[in-house]
């Protein structure tokens, strides 16, 4: 199995957010933004909203659908039309949610690095809270 094949078969981890900008989605899925815009024109189930500034705003479900599309096109080698039909078929049979679970990694919570940052901030706050005010402002 080549490195490229391994990367295609890995589940995509989507952060716990409600909305994503096109640049965020492109980075998550390791795709170029123009590919996402093209897929919007080919897959009617994709219709991100636009922010006040006119930028595309994807919901988490849109990102999951994009992960499914990427899997179908790149890993399973479907054509665009074939992928569109497969998604319709999965929806009709009620299996799309399960297919999304196979394409997207379950949320992992906070990363170890982020936990360390939070613990350091808590330690600093506790230290500051236990320091008498008179010692905080010495000249």
Foldseek 3Di string as FASTA:
>chain_A
DDPVLVVLQDAFEDDPDFKDFLVRLCVSLVHDSVVVVVLVVLAVVDDFDADPVRTGIDGPVNSLVVLQLSSCCPVVNDDSVRSNVVCVVCVVVVNNVVSSPSRHDDHDPDDPVVVVVVVVVVVVVVVVVPDDPVVVDDD
